[in-house]
Amino acid sequence: MNLKGSLPALILETLARGSSHGYEIASVIKLKSEGVLDFKEGTLYPALHTLERDGMVQSHTELENGRTRRYYQLTDKGTKHLEKSKLEWQKMSSAISGVLGGTV
C-alpha cells in the first residue's frame, strides 16, 4: 500500500504533541502503529524538509549529548493543515471501509 501521501499528516500529528527531532518522530510513528509504519531517513527527512519549506513546521537546532540535533515544531499553518488532513482521512477511510467491508 502506498502510504507516502499520508506521511506529512503523520508527522504533523506527531508534532502536535510537541517539538521533536527526526529520529524521535519516526520512533513515535513506528510505536503508535505497532511497527507497521517504519519510515526510514530517506523518506522521513525529505517530507520534513518539504513541510518546512511549505511553512507547516519550523526547525531549530539544539545541542544534545554533545550532538547537534534539528528539532521541528508545528506552525499555525501546519495545525490548520493537520485538521484538514484528518477530515480528509476520515472521509477516505470510511469510503474504503464501505467498499472493502461494507454491505450493500
N, C-alpha and C. Protein backbone atom coordinates (compact mmCIF):
# COMPACT_ATOMS: atom_id res chain seq x y z
N MET A 1 0.83 -1.18 0.00
CA MET A 1 0.00 0.00 0.00
C MET A 1 0.88 1.24 0.00
N ASN A 2 0.52 2.24 -0.75
CA ASN A 2 1.30 3.48 -0.82
C ASN A 2 0.84 4.44 0.28
N LEU A 3 1.69 4.60 1.28
CA LEU A 3 1.36 5.50 2.38
C LEU A 3 2.15 6.79 2.31
N LYS A 4 2.90 6.98 1.22
CA LYS A 4 3.73 8.17 1.10
C LYS A 4 2.92 9.45 1.26
N GLY A 5 1.75 9.49 0.70
CA GLY A 5 0.91 10.68 0.79
C GLY A 5 0.39 10.96 2.19
N SER A 6 0.41 9.95 3.06
CA SER A 6 -0.07 10.15 4.43
C SER A 6 1.04 10.53 5.40
N LEU A 7 2.29 10.42 4.98
CA LEU A 7 3.41 10.72 5.86
C LEU A 7 3.37 12.15 6.41
N PRO A 8 3.10 13.16 5.60
CA PRO A 8 3.04 14.52 6.16
C PRO A 8 2.03 14.64 7.30
N ALA A 9 0.86 14.04 7.16
CA ALA A 9 -0.14 14.10 8.22
C ALA A 9 0.34 13.37 9.47
N LEU A 10 1.03 12.25 9.29
CA LEU A 10 1.56 11.51 10.44
C LEU A 10 2.62 12.33 11.18
N ILE A 11 3.46 13.01 10.42
CA ILE A 11 4.48 13.87 11.02
C ILE A 11 3.82 15.02 11.77
N LEU A 12 2.86 15.68 11.14
CA LEU A 12 2.19 16.81 11.78
C LEU A 12 1.47 16.37 13.05
N GLU A 13 0.83 15.23 13.01
CA GLU A 13 0.14 14.71 14.21
C GLU A 13 1.14 14.45 15.33
N THR A 14 2.28 13.90 15.00
CA THR A 14 3.32 13.65 16.00
C THR A 14 3.81 14.96 16.60
N LEU A 15 4.01 15.96 15.75
CA LEU A 15 4.49 17.26 16.23
C LEU A 15 3.42 18.04 16.98
N ALA A 16 2.16 17.68 16.81
CA ALA A 16 1.09 18.35 17.56
C ALA A 16 1.25 18.08 19.06
N ARG A 17 1.98 17.05 19.41
CA ARG A 17 2.24 16.70 20.81
C ARG A 17 3.45 17.44 21.37
N GLY A 18 4.21 18.11 20.49
CA GLY A 18 5.37 18.88 20.94
C GLY A 18 6.54 18.76 19.98
N SER A 19 7.50 19.64 20.15
CA SER A 19 8.71 19.69 19.34
C SER A 19 9.46 18.36 19.42
N SER A 20 10.06 17.96 18.28
CA SER A 20 10.73 16.67 18.24
C SER A 20 11.76 16.65 17.11
N HIS A 21 12.74 15.76 17.24
CA HIS A 21 13.71 15.58 16.15
C HIS A 21 13.30 14.39 15.29
N GLY A 22 13.91 14.28 14.13
CA GLY A 22 13.51 13.28 13.14
C GLY A 22 13.46 11.86 13.63
N TYR A 23 14.52 11.42 14.32
CA TYR A 23 14.55 10.05 14.80
C TYR A 23 13.40 9.79 15.77
N GLU A 24 13.13 10.76 16.62
CA GLU A 24 12.04 10.61 17.59
C GLU A 24 10.68 10.57 16.88
N ILE A 25 10.51 11.40 15.86
CA ILE A 25 9.26 11.39 15.09
C ILE A 25 9.03 10.01 14.48
N ALA A 26 10.07 9.47 13.84
CA ALA A 26 9.97 8.14 13.23
C ALA A 26 9.67 7.07 14.28
N SER A 27 10.30 7.18 15.45
CA SER A 27 10.09 6.20 16.52
C SER A 27 8.67 6.24 17.05
N VAL A 28 8.12 7.44 17.21
CA VAL A 28 6.74 7.57 17.71
C VAL A 28 5.76 6.97 16.70
N ILE A 29 5.96 7.28 15.43
CA ILE A 29 5.07 6.74 14.39
C ILE A 29 5.14 5.21 14.39
N LYS A 30 6.34 4.67 14.47
CA LYS A 30 6.52 3.22 14.48
C LYS A 30 5.85 2.61 15.71
N LEU A 31 6.06 3.22 16.87
CA LEU A 31 5.48 2.70 18.11
C LEU A 31 3.95 2.74 18.07
N LYS A 32 3.38 3.88 17.67
CA LYS A 32 1.93 4.03 17.66
C LYS A 32 1.27 3.13 16.61
N SER A 33 2.02 2.78 15.57
CA SER A 33 1.47 1.89 14.54
C SER A 33 1.82 0.43 14.80
N GLU A 34 2.36 0.17 15.99
CA GLU A 34 2.76 -1.19 16.37
C GLU A 34 3.72 -1.80 15.36
N GLY A 35 4.64 -0.96 14.85
CA GLY A 35 5.68 -1.43 13.96
C GLY A 35 5.31 -1.51 12.49
N VAL A 36 4.06 -1.26 12.17
CA VAL A 36 3.61 -1.36 10.78
C VAL A 36 4.21 -0.23 9.93
N LEU A 37 4.24 0.96 10.48
CA LEU A 37 4.78 2.12 9.76
C LEU A 37 6.19 2.41 10.26
N ASP A 38 7.17 2.09 9.44
CA ASP A 38 8.57 2.23 9.82
C ASP A 38 9.28 3.04 8.74
N PHE A 39 9.20 4.36 8.86
CA PHE A 39 9.78 5.23 7.84
C PHE A 39 11.26 5.45 8.08
N LYS A 40 12.05 5.29 7.07
CA LYS A 40 13.49 5.45 7.15
C LYS A 40 13.86 6.90 6.81
N GLU A 41 15.13 7.23 7.07
CA GLU A 41 15.62 8.59 6.85
C GLU A 41 15.36 9.09 5.43
N GLY A 42 15.53 8.22 4.46
CA GLY A 42 15.37 8.60 3.06
C GLY A 42 13.95 9.01 2.71
N THR A 43 13.00 8.64 3.53
CA THR A 43 11.60 9.02 3.34
C THR A 43 11.21 10.15 4.28
N LEU A 44 11.63 10.04 5.54
CA LEU A 44 11.21 10.98 6.57
C LEU A 44 11.77 12.38 6.36
N TYR A 45 13.07 12.49 6.16
CA TYR A 45 13.68 13.82 6.09
C TYR A 45 13.25 14.64 4.88
N PRO A 46 13.11 14.04 3.71
CA PRO A 46 12.57 14.85 2.60
C PRO A 46 11.16 15.38 2.91
N ALA A 47 10.34 14.57 3.59
CA ALA A 47 9.00 15.03 3.97
C ALA A 47 9.08 16.17 4.97
N LEU A 48 9.98 16.07 5.95
CA LEU A 48 10.17 17.15 6.91
C LEU A 48 10.64 18.43 6.22
N HIS A 49 11.56 18.30 5.29
CA HIS A 49 12.07 19.48 4.56
C HIS A 49 10.97 20.14 3.73
N THR A 50 10.13 19.32 3.12
CA THR A 50 9.01 19.86 2.34
C THR A 50 8.02 20.58 3.26
N LEU A 51 7.72 19.98 4.40
CA LEU A 51 6.81 20.62 5.36
C LEU A 51 7.38 21.95 5.86
N GLU A 52 8.69 21.98 6.05
CA GLU A 52 9.32 23.22 6.49
C GLU A 52 9.29 24.27 5.38
N ARG A 53 9.60 23.85 4.18
CA ARG A 53 9.57 24.76 3.03
C ARG A 53 8.17 25.35 2.83
N ASP A 54 7.15 24.54 3.09
CA ASP A 54 5.77 24.96 2.90
C ASP A 54 5.19 25.70 4.10
N GLY A 55 6.02 25.90 5.13
CA GLY A 55 5.58 26.66 6.30
C GLY A 55 4.72 25.90 7.29
N MET A 56 4.68 24.58 7.17
CA MET A 56 3.87 23.77 8.09
C MET A 56 4.61 23.49 9.40
N VAL A 57 5.93 23.43 9.32
CA VAL A 57 6.77 23.24 10.50
C VAL A 57 7.92 24.23 10.43
N GLN A 58 8.51 24.47 11.57
CA GLN A 58 9.74 25.26 11.62
C GLN A 58 10.75 24.46 12.43
N SER A 59 12.02 24.75 12.23
CA SER A 59 13.03 23.96 12.92
C SER A 59 14.04 24.86 13.62
N HIS A 60 14.70 24.26 14.57
CA HIS A 60 15.81 24.90 15.26
C HIS A 60 16.77 23.79 15.70
N THR A 61 18.01 24.17 15.97
CA THR A 61 18.98 23.17 16.41
C THR A 61 19.22 23.31 17.90
N GLU A 62 19.52 22.19 18.52
CA GLU A 62 19.86 22.13 19.94
C GLU A 62 21.01 21.16 20.11
N LEU A 63 21.84 21.45 21.08
CA LEU A 63 22.92 20.54 21.44
C LEU A 63 22.39 19.53 22.45
N GLU A 64 22.54 18.25 22.13
CA GLU A 64 22.03 17.19 22.99
C GLU A 64 23.08 16.09 23.08
N ASN A 65 23.59 15.85 24.26
CA ASN A 65 24.62 14.83 24.48
C ASN A 65 25.81 15.02 23.54
N GLY A 66 26.22 16.27 23.37
CA GLY A 66 27.37 16.57 22.51
C GLY A 66 27.08 16.55 21.02
N ARG A 67 25.83 16.33 20.66
CA ARG A 67 25.42 16.28 19.24
C ARG A 67 24.45 17.40 18.95
N THR A 68 24.56 17.94 17.76
CA THR A 68 23.59 18.94 17.34
C THR A 68 22.42 18.21 16.68
N ARG A 69 21.23 18.47 17.20
CA ARG A 69 20.01 17.87 16.64
C ARG A 69 19.10 18.97 16.13
N ARG A 70 18.41 18.67 15.05
CA ARG A 70 17.43 19.61 14.50
C ARG A 70 16.06 19.20 15.01
N TYR A 71 15.43 20.11 15.71
CA TYR A 71 14.09 19.88 16.25
C TYR A 71 13.06 20.60 15.38
N TYR A 72 11.94 19.95 15.19
CA TYR A 72 10.86 20.51 14.37
C TYR A 72 9.66 20.78 15.27
N GLN A 73 8.94 21.84 14.94
CA GLN A 73 7.70 22.12 15.66
C GLN A 73 6.65 22.60 14.69
N LEU A 74 5.42 22.34 15.05
CA LEU A 74 4.26 22.68 14.24
C LEU A 74 4.04 24.19 14.23
N THR A 75 3.66 24.72 13.08
CA THR A 75 3.28 26.13 12.98
C THR A 75 1.75 26.21 12.95
N ASP A 76 1.23 27.42 13.00
CA ASP A 76 -0.23 27.59 12.89
C ASP A 76 -0.74 27.04 11.56
N LYS A 77 0.01 27.29 10.51
CA LYS A 77 -0.37 26.77 9.19
C LYS A 77 -0.38 25.24 9.21
N GLY A 78 0.59 24.64 9.88
CA GLY A 78 0.65 23.19 9.99
C GLY A 78 -0.51 22.63 10.77
N THR A 79 -0.91 23.34 11.82
CA THR A 79 -2.06 22.90 12.63
C THR A 79 -3.33 22.90 11.80
N LYS A 80 -3.53 23.94 11.01
CA LYS A 80 -4.71 24.01 10.15
C LYS A 80 -4.69 22.91 9.10
N HIS A 81 -3.51 22.67 8.53
CA HIS A 81 -3.37 21.63 7.52
C HIS A 81 -3.64 20.25 8.14
N LEU A 82 -3.18 20.04 9.36
CA LEU A 82 -3.40 18.77 10.05
C LEU A 82 -4.89 18.51 10.23
N GLU A 83 -5.62 19.51 10.67
CA GLU A 83 -7.07 19.34 10.86
C GLU A 83 -7.76 18.99 9.55
N LYS A 84 -7.37 19.66 8.48
CA LYS A 84 -7.92 19.37 7.16
C LYS A 84 -7.57 17.93 6.73
N SER A 85 -6.32 17.54 6.97
CA SER A 85 -5.88 16.18 6.62
C SER A 85 -6.64 15.12 7.39
N LYS A 86 -6.91 15.38 8.66
CA LYS A 86 -7.66 14.42 9.47
C LYS A 86 -9.07 14.22 8.93
N LEU A 87 -9.72 15.31 8.55
CA LEU A 87 -11.06 15.20 7.98
C LEU A 87 -11.05 14.43 6.67
N GLU A 88 -10.06 14.71 5.82
CA GLU A 88 -9.93 14.00 4.54
C GLU A 88 -9.68 12.52 4.79
N TRP A 89 -8.82 12.20 5.76
CA TRP A 89 -8.51 10.80 6.07
C TRP A 89 -9.76 10.07 6.57
N GLN A 90 -10.52 10.70 7.44
CA GLN A 90 -11.74 10.07 7.96
C GLN A 90 -12.72 9.78 6.83
N LYS A 91 -12.87 10.73 5.94
CA LYS A 91 -13.78 10.54 4.80
C LYS A 91 -13.28 9.41 3.89
N MET A 92 -11.98 9.42 3.59
CA MET A 92 -11.41 8.41 2.70
C MET A 92 -11.44 7.02 3.34
N SER A 93 -11.06 6.93 4.61
CA SER A 93 -11.04 5.60 5.25
C SER A 93 -12.45 5.05 5.39
N SER A 94 -13.41 5.90 5.63
CA SER A 94 -14.80 5.46 5.70
C SER A 94 -15.26 4.93 4.34
N ALA A 95 -14.90 5.64 3.28
CA ALA A 95 -15.29 5.21 1.94
C ALA A 95 -14.64 3.86 1.57
N ILE A 96 -13.37 3.72 1.89
CA ILE A 96 -12.66 2.47 1.59
C ILE A 96 -13.25 1.32 2.39
N SER A 97 -13.53 1.56 3.68
CA SER A 97 -14.16 0.54 4.51
C SER A 97 -15.50 0.12 3.94
N GLY A 98 -16.25 1.09 3.42
CA GLY A 98 -17.53 0.78 2.82
C GLY A 98 -17.41 -0.13 1.62
N VAL A 99 -16.36 0.09 0.82
CA VAL A 99 -16.19 -0.72 -0.38
C VAL A 99 -15.61 -2.09 -0.02
N LEU A 100 -14.61 -2.12 0.84
CA LEU A 100 -13.94 -3.39 1.14
C LEU A 100 -14.68 -4.27 2.15
N GLY A 101 -15.41 -3.65 3.06
CA GLY A 101 -16.02 -4.48 4.09
C GLY A 101 -17.48 -4.19 4.33
N GLY A 102 -18.00 -3.25 3.60
CA GLY A 102 -19.37 -2.86 3.84
C GLY A 102 -20.38 -3.77 3.17
N THR A 103 -21.59 -3.60 3.58
CA THR A 103 -22.69 -4.34 2.97
C THR A 103 -23.53 -3.37 2.16
N VAL A 104 -24.04 -3.87 1.08
CA VAL A 104 -24.86 -3.04 0.19
C VAL A 104 -26.23 -3.66 0.04
